[in-house]
Amino acid sequence: MILGYKKVSLVTGIATGMLLAVTSISANAAPASTGTNKVASSVYVPKSTVTATSPALAQVGYSFGYLMGESNKDSIDDLNLDAFFQGFRDAYSAQSPNLDKKQMQKVLLDYQKNKEIAYAKEVQALAASNAAKGKQFLLQNSKKSGVNTTASGLQYQVLTQGRGKSPKATDKIKVHYEGRLIDGTIFDSSYKRGEPVTFPLNQVIKGWTEGLQLMKEGGKYRLFVPANLGYGEAGNADIEPNSVLIFDIELLQVNPSVTQPVKL
């Protein structure tokens, strides 16, 4: 369903970006030349003039640079491009570096440390803001007609009452669902993918494990999942820390014979 909410390490990010740039071009890259690298000004083509009809080396250079930039622009969003290009050209043309390797390592590690501190503060502030918004939302939502609240704080609304059997936490279930944030943003939907999913009920978020056991086959519920029953302070990919989640879920079958397991 959703991958983990995470940040990218700066120091490894550049190297990883370079590797991705190369491997994205070809799965079978040619071995590195043992000759001396030479940067010839006649080979360099400004960005605005590189097209599909440009010389092959110009296209290679542009592709390599673009993929590097695309891979690193989010984790290194304040990169001094002039200094970057100077360092890249100096290294590529075997010029003596303006900084020794120890200094390079120090400034990169210091930069990463400062970024991590800033990131932690940003996440903390975001988590606090989302927690306050979520608390207010759940308070107001609990007053609406048809909304029920369990002892854990999970809220649910019966859209269609089912008539089949109810699942246990150890059962596998087949469902159709749509997940969205309190602002209405849809972050996941089996409807959009065009097929329901099947998975063990004890391997999903707590809000699902509890909420689905309240349902019967053929039923459709709307679950309002507090952050502590969802992805909590960690968040998850596009789901920010301390987000309240809303799910419309159709319970199609308990313990179906054909399974398509997914991880929520």
C-alpha atoms as a PDB file:
ATOM      1  CA  MET A   1       0.000   0.000   0.000  1.00  0.00           C
ATOM      2  CA  ILE A   2       2.363   2.671   1.204  1.00  0.00           C
ATOM      3  CA  LEU A   3       6.104   2.730   1.663  1.00  0.00           C
ATOM      4  CA  GLY A   4       7.860   4.295   4.656  1.00  0.00           C
ATOM      5  CA  TYR A   5       8.020   8.039   5.273  1.00  0.00           C
ATOM      6  CA  LYS A   6      11.768   8.715   5.184  1.00  0.00           C
ATOM      7  CA  LYS A   7      14.570  11.096   4.297  1.00  0.00           C
ATOM      8  CA  VAL A   8      17.621  10.565   2.120  1.00  0.00           C
ATOM      9  CA  SER A   9      21.167  10.614   3.467  1.00  0.00           C
ATOM     10  CA  LEU A  10      23.144  13.452   1.910  1.00  0.00           C
ATOM     11  CA  VAL A  11      26.619  11.939   1.882  1.00  0.00           C
ATOM     12  CA  THR A  12      25.455   8.737   0.230  1.00  0.00           C
ATOM     13  CA  GLY A  13      22.856  10.536  -1.854  1.00  0.00           C
ATOM     14  CA  ILE A  14      25.278  11.981  -4.392  1.00  0.00           C
ATOM     15  CA  ALA A  15      27.071   8.695  -4.963  1.00  0.00           C
ATOM     16  CA  THR A  16      23.765   6.861  -5.195  1.00  0.00           C
ATOM     17  CA  GLY A  17      22.447   9.440  -7.615  1.00  0.00           C
ATOM     18  CA  MET A  18      25.483   8.995  -9.845  1.00  0.00           C
ATOM     19  CA  LEU A  19      25.070   5.229  -9.767  1.00  0.00           C
ATOM     20  CA  LEU A  20      21.384   5.512 -10.591  1.00  0.00           C
ATOM     21  CA  ALA A  21      22.178   7.865 -13.433  1.00  0.00           C
ATOM     22  CA  VAL A  22      24.525   5.356 -14.981  1.00  0.00           C
ATOM     23  CA  THR A  23      22.361   2.278 -14.411  1.00  0.00           C
ATOM     24  CA  SER A  24      19.277   4.097 -15.654  1.00  0.00           C
ATOM     25  CA  ILE A  25      20.960   4.622 -19.008  1.00  0.00           C
ATOM     26  CA  SER A  26      21.847   0.978 -19.491  1.00  0.00           C
ATOM     27  CA  ALA A  27      21.676  -2.214 -17.499  1.00  0.00           C
ATOM     28  CA  ASN A  28      24.851  -3.348 -19.256  1.00  0.00           C
ATOM     29  CA  ALA A  29      27.255  -0.429 -18.969  1.00  0.00           C
ATOM     30  CA  ALA A  30      30.570  -0.575 -20.765  1.00  0.00           C
ATOM     31  CA  PRO A  31      33.681  -0.996 -18.589  1.00  0.00           C
ATOM     32  CA  ALA A  32      35.443   2.180 -17.532  1.00  0.00           C
ATOM     33  CA  SER A  33      38.264   3.379 -19.742  1.00  0.00           C
ATOM     34  CA  THR A  34      41.792   3.087 -18.394  1.00  0.00           C
ATOM     35  CA  GLY A  35      42.852   6.190 -20.283  1.00  0.00           C
ATOM     36  CA  THR A  36      43.078   9.723 -18.893  1.00  0.00           C
ATOM     37  CA  ASN A  37      39.787  11.630 -18.738  1.00  0.00           C
ATOM     38  CA  LYS A  38      39.835  14.721 -20.897  1.00  0.00           C
ATOM     39  CA  VAL A  39      37.268  17.475 -20.971  1.00  0.00           C
ATOM     40  CA  ALA A  40      37.157  19.058 -24.398  1.00  0.00           C
ATOM     41  CA  SER A  41      35.238  22.309 -24.703  1.00  0.00           C
ATOM     42  CA  SER A  42      34.151  21.306 -28.203  1.00  0.00           C
ATOM     43  CA  VAL A  43      32.187  18.367 -26.734  1.00  0.00           C
ATOM     44  CA  TYR A  44      30.243  20.475 -24.229  1.00  0.00           C
ATOM     45  CA  VAL A  45      26.811  21.526 -25.468  1.00  0.00           C
ATOM     46  CA  PRO A  46      24.733  24.031 -23.467  1.00  0.00           C
ATOM     47  CA  LYS A  47      21.598  22.561 -21.947  1.00  0.00           C
ATOM     48  CA  SER A  48      19.216  24.525 -24.132  1.00  0.00           C
ATOM     49  CA  THR A  49      20.707  23.111 -27.341  1.00  0.00           C
ATOM     50  CA  VAL A  50      20.803  19.393 -26.492  1.00  0.00           C
ATOM     51  CA  THR A  51      18.208  17.491 -28.497  1.00  0.00           C
ATOM     52  CA  ALA A  52      17.653  13.973 -29.766  1.00  0.00           C
ATOM     53  CA  THR A  53      19.695  14.907 -32.841  1.00  0.00           C
ATOM     54  CA  SER A  54      22.690  16.252 -30.892  1.00  0.00           C
ATOM     55  CA  PRO A  55      25.986  14.297 -30.979  1.00  0.00           C
ATOM     56  CA  ALA A  56      25.875  11.107 -28.922  1.00  0.00           C
ATOM     57  CA  LEU A  57      28.356  12.352 -26.311  1.00  0.00           C
ATOM     58  CA  ALA A  58      26.317  15.505 -25.808  1.00  0.00           C
ATOM     59  CA  GLN A  59      23.212  13.400 -25.189  1.00  0.00           C
ATOM     60  CA  VAL A  60      25.134  11.132 -22.810  1.00  0.00           C
ATOM     61  CA  GLY A  61      26.465  14.109 -20.850  1.00  0.00           C
ATOM     62  CA  TYR A  62      23.063  15.757 -20.632  1.00  0.00           C
ATOM     63  CA  SER A  63      21.346  12.517 -19.621  1.00  0.00           C
ATOM     64  CA  PHE A  64      23.947  11.811 -16.946  1.00  0.00           C
ATOM     65  CA  GLY A  65      23.672  15.326 -15.531  1.00  0.00           C
ATOM     66  CA  TYR A  66      19.888  15.384 -15.649  1.00  0.00           C
ATOM     67  CA  LEU A  67      19.530  12.029 -13.884  1.00  0.00           C
ATOM     68  CA  MET A  68      22.020  13.091 -11.207  1.00  0.00           C
ATOM     69  CA  GLY A  69      20.092  16.300 -10.627  1.00  0.00           C
ATOM     70  CA  GLU A  70      16.741  14.533 -10.567  1.00  0.00           C
ATOM     71  CA  SER A  71      18.030  11.973  -8.043  1.00  0.00           C
ATOM     72  CA  ASN A  72      19.460  14.566  -5.649  1.00  0.00           C
ATOM     73  CA  LYS A  73      17.367  17.731  -5.987  1.00  0.00           C
ATOM     74  CA  ASP A  74      15.075  16.849  -3.083  1.00  0.00           C
ATOM     75  CA  SER A  75      17.761  15.759  -0.602  1.00  0.00           C
ATOM     76  CA  ILE A  76      20.193  18.570  -1.542  1.00  0.00           C
ATOM     77  CA  ASP A  77      17.803  21.377  -2.362  1.00  0.00           C
ATOM     78  CA  ASP A  78      20.238  24.247  -1.745  1.00  0.00           C
ATOM     79  CA  LEU A  79      23.193  22.970  -3.752  1.00  0.00           C
ATOM     80  CA  ASN A  80      25.541  25.663  -5.083  1.00  0.00           C
ATOM     81  CA  LEU A  81      25.546  24.566  -8.711  1.00  0.00           C
ATOM     82  CA  ASP A  82      28.461  26.795  -9.733  1.00  0.00           C
ATOM     83  CA  ALA A  83      30.674  25.256  -7.047  1.00  0.00           C
ATOM     84  CA  PHE A  84      29.391  21.781  -7.896  1.00  0.00           C
ATOM     85  CA  PHE A  85      30.268  22.146 -11.562  1.00  0.00           C
ATOM     86  CA  GLN A  86      33.685  23.567 -10.661  1.00  0.00           C
ATOM     87  CA  GLY A  87      34.438  20.583  -8.444  1.00  0.00           C
ATOM     88  CA  PHE A  88      33.101  18.149 -11.019  1.00  0.00           C
ATOM     89  CA  ARG A  89      35.181  19.624 -13.826  1.00  0.00           C
ATOM     90  CA  ASP A  90      38.309  19.811 -11.639  1.00  0.00           C
ATOM     91  CA  ALA A  91      37.996  16.144 -10.703  1.00  0.00           C
ATOM     92  CA  TYR A  92      37.089  15.025 -14.209  1.00  0.00           C
ATOM     93  CA  SER A  93      40.078  16.821 -15.713  1.00  0.00           C
ATOM     94  CA  ALA A  94      42.443  15.585 -12.959  1.00  0.00           C
ATOM     95  CA  GLN A  95      43.046  19.076 -11.528  1.00  0.00           C
ATOM     96  CA  SER A  96      44.300  19.436  -7.961  1.00  0.00           C
ATOM     97  CA  PRO A  97      41.326  19.997  -5.634  1.00  0.00           C
ATOM     98  CA  ASN A  98      40.879  23.342  -3.889  1.00  0.00           C
ATOM     99  CA  LEU A  99      39.932  21.443  -0.710  1.00  0.00           C
ATOM    100  CA  ASP A 100      41.707  18.399   0.655  1.00  0.00           C
ATOM    101  CA  LYS A 101      39.749  15.171   1.149  1.00  0.00           C
ATOM    102  CA  LYS A 102      39.517  15.602   4.931  1.00  0.00           C
ATOM    103  CA  GLN A 103      38.004  19.052   4.524  1.00  0.00           C
ATOM    104  CA  MET A 104      35.572  17.727   1.924  1.00  0.00           C
ATOM    105  CA  GLN A 105      34.466  14.987   4.276  1.00  0.00           C
ATOM    106  CA  LYS A 106      34.116  17.434   7.171  1.00  0.00           C
ATOM    107  CA  VAL A 107      31.977  19.948   5.317  1.00  0.00           C
ATOM    108  CA  LEU A 108      29.744  17.215   3.919  1.00  0.00           C
ATOM    109  CA  LEU A 109      29.237  15.630   7.329  1.00  0.00           C
ATOM    110  CA  ASP A 110      28.605  19.030   8.938  1.00  0.00           C
ATOM    111  CA  TYR A 111      26.135  19.854   6.191  1.00  0.00           C
ATOM    112  CA  GLN A 112      24.319  16.571   6.675  1.00  0.00           C
ATOM    113  CA  LYS A 113      24.190  17.051  10.445  1.00  0.00           C
ATOM    114  CA  ASN A 114      22.678  20.523  10.057  1.00  0.00           C
ATOM    115  CA  LYS A 115      20.184  19.187   7.527  1.00  0.00           C
ATOM    116  CA  GLU A 116      19.162  16.391   9.884  1.00  0.00           C
ATOM    117  CA  ILE A 117      18.664  18.845  12.751  1.00  0.00           C
ATOM    118  CA  ALA A 118      16.534  21.088  10.550  1.00  0.00           C
ATOM    119  CA  TYR A 119      14.617  18.073   9.240  1.00  0.00           C
ATOM    120  CA  ALA A 120      13.914  16.799  12.767  1.00  0.00           C
ATOM    121  CA  LYS A 121      12.582  20.214  13.813  1.00  0.00           C
ATOM    122  CA  GLU A 122      10.421  20.381  10.709  1.00  0.00           C
ATOM    123  CA  VAL A 123       8.976  16.913  11.312  1.00  0.00           C
ATOM    124  CA  GLN A 124       8.382  17.691  14.993  1.00  0.00           C
ATOM    125  CA  ALA A 125       6.503  20.874  14.139  1.00  0.00           C
ATOM    126  CA  LEU A 126       4.518  19.100  11.433  1.00  0.00           C
ATOM    127  CA  ALA A 127       3.637  16.254  13.792  1.00  0.00           C
ATOM    128  CA  ALA A 128       2.427  18.698  16.452  1.00  0.00           C
ATOM    129  CA  SER A 129       0.351  20.626  13.935  1.00  0.00           C
ATOM    130  CA  ASN A 130      -1.212  17.470  12.497  1.00  0.00           C
ATOM    131  CA  ALA A 131      -1.938  16.134  15.990  1.00  0.00           C
ATOM    132  CA  ALA A 132      -3.847  19.311  16.863  1.00  0.00           C
ATOM    133  CA  LYS A 133      -5.763  19.272  13.574  1.00  0.00           C
ATOM    134  CA  GLY A 134      -6.525  15.582  13.976  1.00  0.00           C
ATOM    135  CA  LYS A 135      -7.799  16.004  17.525  1.00  0.00           C
ATOM    136  CA  GLN A 136     -10.115  18.810  16.458  1.00  0.00           C
ATOM    137  CA  PHE A 137     -11.346  16.847  13.445  1.00  0.00           C
ATOM    138  CA  LEU A 138     -12.146  13.737  15.490  1.00  0.00           C
ATOM    139  CA  LEU A 139     -13.888  15.806  18.160  1.00  0.00           C
ATOM    140  CA  GLN A 140     -16.178  17.451  15.615  1.00  0.00           C
ATOM    141  CA  ASN A 141     -16.640  14.232  13.662  1.00  0.00           C
ATOM    142  CA  SER A 142     -17.744  12.324  16.770  1.00  0.00           C
ATOM    143  CA  LYS A 143     -20.751  14.643  17.064  1.00  0.00           C
ATOM    144  CA  LYS A 144     -22.065  13.788  13.600  1.00  0.00           C
ATOM    145  CA  SER A 145     -25.091  11.573  13.197  1.00  0.00           C
ATOM    146  CA  GLY A 146     -24.237   7.927  12.540  1.00  0.00           C
ATOM    147  CA  VAL A 147     -20.632   8.163  13.707  1.00  0.00           C
ATOM    148  CA  ASN A 148     -19.670   5.679  16.418  1.00  0.00           C
ATOM    149  CA  THR A 149     -16.543   5.794  18.591  1.00  0.00           C
ATOM    150  CA  THR A 150     -14.910   2.708  20.105  1.00  0.00           C
ATOM    151  CA  ALA A 151     -12.928   2.518  23.342  1.00  0.00           C
ATOM    152  CA  SER A 152      -9.667   2.845  21.395  1.00  0.00           C
ATOM    153  CA  GLY A 153     -10.785   6.090  19.766  1.00  0.00           C
ATOM    154  CA  LEU A 154     -11.517   4.548  16.367  1.00  0.00           C
ATOM    155  CA  GLN A 155     -14.548   6.138  14.736  1.00  0.00           C
ATOM    156  CA  TYR A 156     -16.720   4.401  12.171  1.00  0.00           C
ATOM    157  CA  GLN A 157     -19.835   4.961  10.153  1.00  0.00           C
ATOM    158  CA  VAL A 158     -21.966   2.180   8.664  1.00  0.00           C
ATOM    159  CA  LEU A 159     -22.608   2.938   5.001  1.00  0.00           C
ATOM    160  CA  THR A 160     -24.008  -0.493   4.123  1.00  0.00           C
ATOM    161  CA  GLN A 161     -24.739  -3.206   6.651  1.00  0.00           C
ATOM    162  CA  GLY A 162     -23.359  -6.600   5.662  1.00  0.00           C
ATOM    163  CA  ARG A 163     -25.109  -9.939   6.130  1.00  0.00           C
ATOM    164  CA  GLY A 164     -22.245 -12.402   5.944  1.00  0.00           C
ATOM    165  CA  LYS A 165     -19.726 -13.461   8.564  1.00  0.00           C
ATOM    166  CA  SER A 166     -17.369 -11.187  10.471  1.00  0.00           C
ATOM    167  CA  PRO A 167     -13.609 -11.753  10.275  1.00  0.00           C
ATOM    168  CA  LYS A 168     -11.290 -12.510  13.164  1.00  0.00           C
ATOM    169  CA  ALA A 169      -7.886 -10.864  13.440  1.00  0.00           C
ATOM    170  CA  THR A 170      -6.252 -14.071  12.205  1.00  0.00           C
ATOM    171  CA  ASP A 171      -8.402 -14.283   9.064  1.00  0.00           C
ATOM    172  CA  LYS A 172      -7.581 -13.187   5.551  1.00  0.00           C
ATOM    173  CA  ILE A 173      -9.950 -10.713   3.990  1.00  0.00           C
ATOM    174  CA  LYS A 174     -10.754  -9.483   0.507  1.00  0.00           C
ATOM    175  CA  VAL A 175     -11.688  -5.815   0.298  1.00  0.00           C
ATOM    176  CA  HIS A 176     -12.144  -2.792  -1.885  1.00  0.00           C
ATOM    177  CA  TYR A 177     -11.084   0.461  -0.239  1.00  0.00           C
ATOM    178  CA  GLU A 178     -10.179   4.100  -0.649  1.00  0.00           C
ATOM    179  CA  GLY A 179      -7.949   5.986   1.783  1.00  0.00           C
ATOM    180  CA  ARG A 180      -7.824   9.746   2.124  1.00  0.00           C
ATOM    181  CA  LEU A 181      -6.604  12.461   4.456  1.00  0.00           C
ATOM    182  CA  ILE A 182      -8.859  14.833   6.366  1.00  0.00           C
ATOM    183  CA  ASP A 183      -8.350  17.447   3.646  1.00  0.00           C
ATOM    184  CA  GLY A 184      -9.830  15.031   1.105  1.00  0.00           C
ATOM    185  CA  THR A 185      -6.568  14.007  -0.560  1.00  0.00           C
ATOM    186  CA  ILE A 186      -6.781  10.399  -1.780  1.00  0.00           C
ATOM    187  CA  PHE A 187      -3.528   8.573  -1.035  1.00  0.00           C
ATOM    188  CA  ASP A 188      -4.535   5.039  -1.973  1.00  0.00           C
ATOM    189  CA  SER A 189      -7.422   3.311  -3.725  1.00  0.00           C
ATOM    190  CA  SER A 190      -8.056  -0.241  -4.876  1.00  0.00           C
ATOM    191  CA  TYR A 191     -10.918   1.168  -6.935  1.00  0.00           C
ATOM    192  CA  LYS A 192      -8.476   3.174  -9.024  1.00  0.00           C
ATOM    193  CA  ARG A 193      -6.335   0.077  -9.534  1.00  0.00           C
ATOM    194  CA  GLY A 194      -9.415  -1.754 -10.733  1.00  0.00           C
ATOM    195  CA  GLU A 195      -9.261  -4.777  -8.445  1.00  0.00           C
ATOM    196  CA  PRO A 196      -9.784  -5.643  -4.774  1.00  0.00           C
ATOM    197  CA  VAL A 197      -6.958  -6.821  -2.537  1.00  0.00           C
ATOM    198  CA  THR A 198      -6.530  -9.705  -0.120  1.00  0.00           C
ATOM    199  CA  PHE A 199      -4.345  -9.783   3.002  1.00  0.00           C
ATOM    200  CA  PRO A 200      -4.146 -11.076   6.586  1.00  0.00           C
ATOM    201  CA  LEU A 201      -6.110  -8.822   8.919  1.00  0.00           C
ATOM    202  CA  ASN A 202      -3.409  -8.966  11.603  1.00  0.00           C
ATOM    203  CA  GLN A 203      -0.773  -7.509   9.266  1.00  0.00           C
ATOM    204  CA  VAL A 204      -2.297  -4.084   8.710  1.00  0.00           C
ATOM    205  CA  ILE A 205      -2.604  -0.899  10.757  1.00  0.00           C
ATOM    206  CA  LYS A 206      -4.426  -1.249  14.098  1.00  0.00           C
ATOM    207  CA  GLY A 207      -7.374   0.810  12.910  1.00  0.00           C
ATOM    208  CA  TRP A 208      -8.023  -1.686  10.131  1.00  0.00           C
ATOM    209  CA  THR A 209      -7.581  -4.738  12.351  1.00  0.00           C
ATOM    210  CA  GLU A 210     -10.146  -3.378  14.797  1.00  0.00           C
ATOM    211  CA  GLY A 211     -12.520  -1.804  12.306  1.00  0.00           C
ATOM    212  CA  LEU A 212     -12.811  -4.738   9.923  1.00  0.00           C
ATOM    213  CA  GLN A 213     -13.789  -7.068  12.772  1.00  0.00           C
ATOM    214  CA  LEU A 214     -16.859  -4.884  13.314  1.00  0.00           C
ATOM    215  CA  MET A 215     -17.987  -5.554   9.753  1.00  0.00           C
ATOM    216  CA  LYS A 216     -19.748  -8.431   8.021  1.00  0.00           C
ATOM    217  CA  GLU A 217     -19.256  -9.679   4.485  1.00  0.00           C
ATOM    218  CA  GLY A 218     -21.088  -7.443   2.032  1.00  0.00           C
ATOM    219  CA  GLY A 219     -20.840  -4.434   4.330  1.00  0.00           C
ATOM    220  CA  LYS A 220     -19.279  -1.056   3.647  1.00  0.00           C
ATOM    221  CA  TYR A 221     -17.940   1.110   6.470  1.00  0.00           C
ATOM    222  CA  ARG A 222     -16.180   4.427   6.721  1.00  0.00           C
ATOM    223  CA  LEU A 223     -13.358   4.320   9.251  1.00  0.00           C
ATOM    224  CA  PHE A 224     -11.880   7.436  10.845  1.00  0.00           C
ATOM    225  CA  VAL A 225      -8.499   6.259  12.106  1.00  0.00           C
ATOM    226  CA  PRO A 226      -6.629   8.283  14.773  1.00  0.00           C
ATOM    227  CA  ALA A 227      -2.896   8.591  14.214  1.00  0.00           C
ATOM    228  CA  ASN A 228      -2.050   6.169  17.025  1.00  0.00           C
ATOM    229  CA  LEU A 229      -4.087   3.490  15.244  1.00  0.00           C
ATOM    230  CA  GLY A 230      -2.572   4.389  11.876  1.00  0.00           C
ATOM    231  CA  TYR A 231       1.000   5.385  11.077  1.00  0.00           C
ATOM    232  CA  GLY A 232       1.612   7.483  14.190  1.00  0.00           C
ATOM    233  CA  GLU A 233       4.469   9.952  14.499  1.00  0.00           C
ATOM    234  CA  ALA A 234       6.518   8.158  11.850  1.00  0.00           C
ATOM    235  CA  GLY A 235       4.066   8.748   9.027  1.00  0.00           C
ATOM    236  CA  ASN A 236       4.327   6.722   5.847  1.00  0.00           C
ATOM    237  CA  ALA A 237       5.413   7.997   2.414  1.00  0.00           C
ATOM    238  CA  ASP A 238       2.766  10.591   1.435  1.00  0.00           C
ATOM    239  CA  ILE A 239       1.130  10.298   4.854  1.00  0.00           C
ATOM    240  CA  GLU A 240       2.515  12.951   7.192  1.00  0.00           C
ATOM    241  CA  PRO A 241       3.283  12.299  10.878  1.00  0.00           C
ATOM    242  CA  ASN A 242       0.231  12.146  13.174  1.00  0.00           C
ATOM    243  CA  SER A 243      -2.248  12.110  10.314  1.00  0.00           C
ATOM    244  CA  VAL A 244      -5.843  11.047  10.876  1.00  0.00           C
ATOM    245  CA  LEU A 245      -6.863   8.711   8.059  1.00  0.00           C
ATOM    246  CA  ILE A 246     -10.281   8.106   6.521  1.00  0.00           C
ATOM    247  CA  PHE A 247     -11.058   4.824   4.772  1.00  0.00           C
ATOM    248  CA  ASP A 248     -14.128   3.687   2.880  1.00  0.00           C
ATOM    249  CA  ILE A 249     -13.946  -0.111   2.990  1.00  0.00           C
ATOM    250  CA  GLU A 250     -16.092  -2.824   1.418  1.00  0.00           C
ATOM    251  CA  LEU A 251     -15.642  -6.239   3.010  1.00  0.00           C
ATOM    252  CA  LEU A 252     -16.103  -8.566   0.057  1.00  0.00           C
ATOM    253  CA  GLN A 253     -15.053 -11.892   1.513  1.00  0.00           C
ATOM    254  CA  VAL A 254     -13.541 -13.515   4.590  1.00  0.00           C
ATOM    255  CA  ASN A 255     -10.854 -16.138   3.923  1.00  0.00           C
ATOM    256  CA  PRO A 256     -11.115 -16.087   0.106  1.00  0.00           C
ATOM    257  CA  SER A 257      -9.638 -19.071  -1.707  1.00  0.00           C
ATOM    258  CA  VAL A 258      -7.520 -16.961  -4.080  1.00  0.00           C
ATOM    259  CA  THR A 259      -5.281 -14.385  -2.382  1.00  0.00           C
ATOM    260  CA  GLN A 260      -3.427 -11.322  -3.588  1.00  0.00           C
ATOM    261  CA  PRO A 261      -1.500 -10.273  -0.458  1.00  0.00           C
ATOM    262  CA  VAL A 262      -0.385  -6.684  -0.076  1.00  0.00           C
ATOM    263  CA  LYS A 263       1.305  -4.924   2.811  1.00  0.00           C
ATOM    264  CA  LEU A 264      -0.502  -1.964   4.335  1.00  0.00           C
END
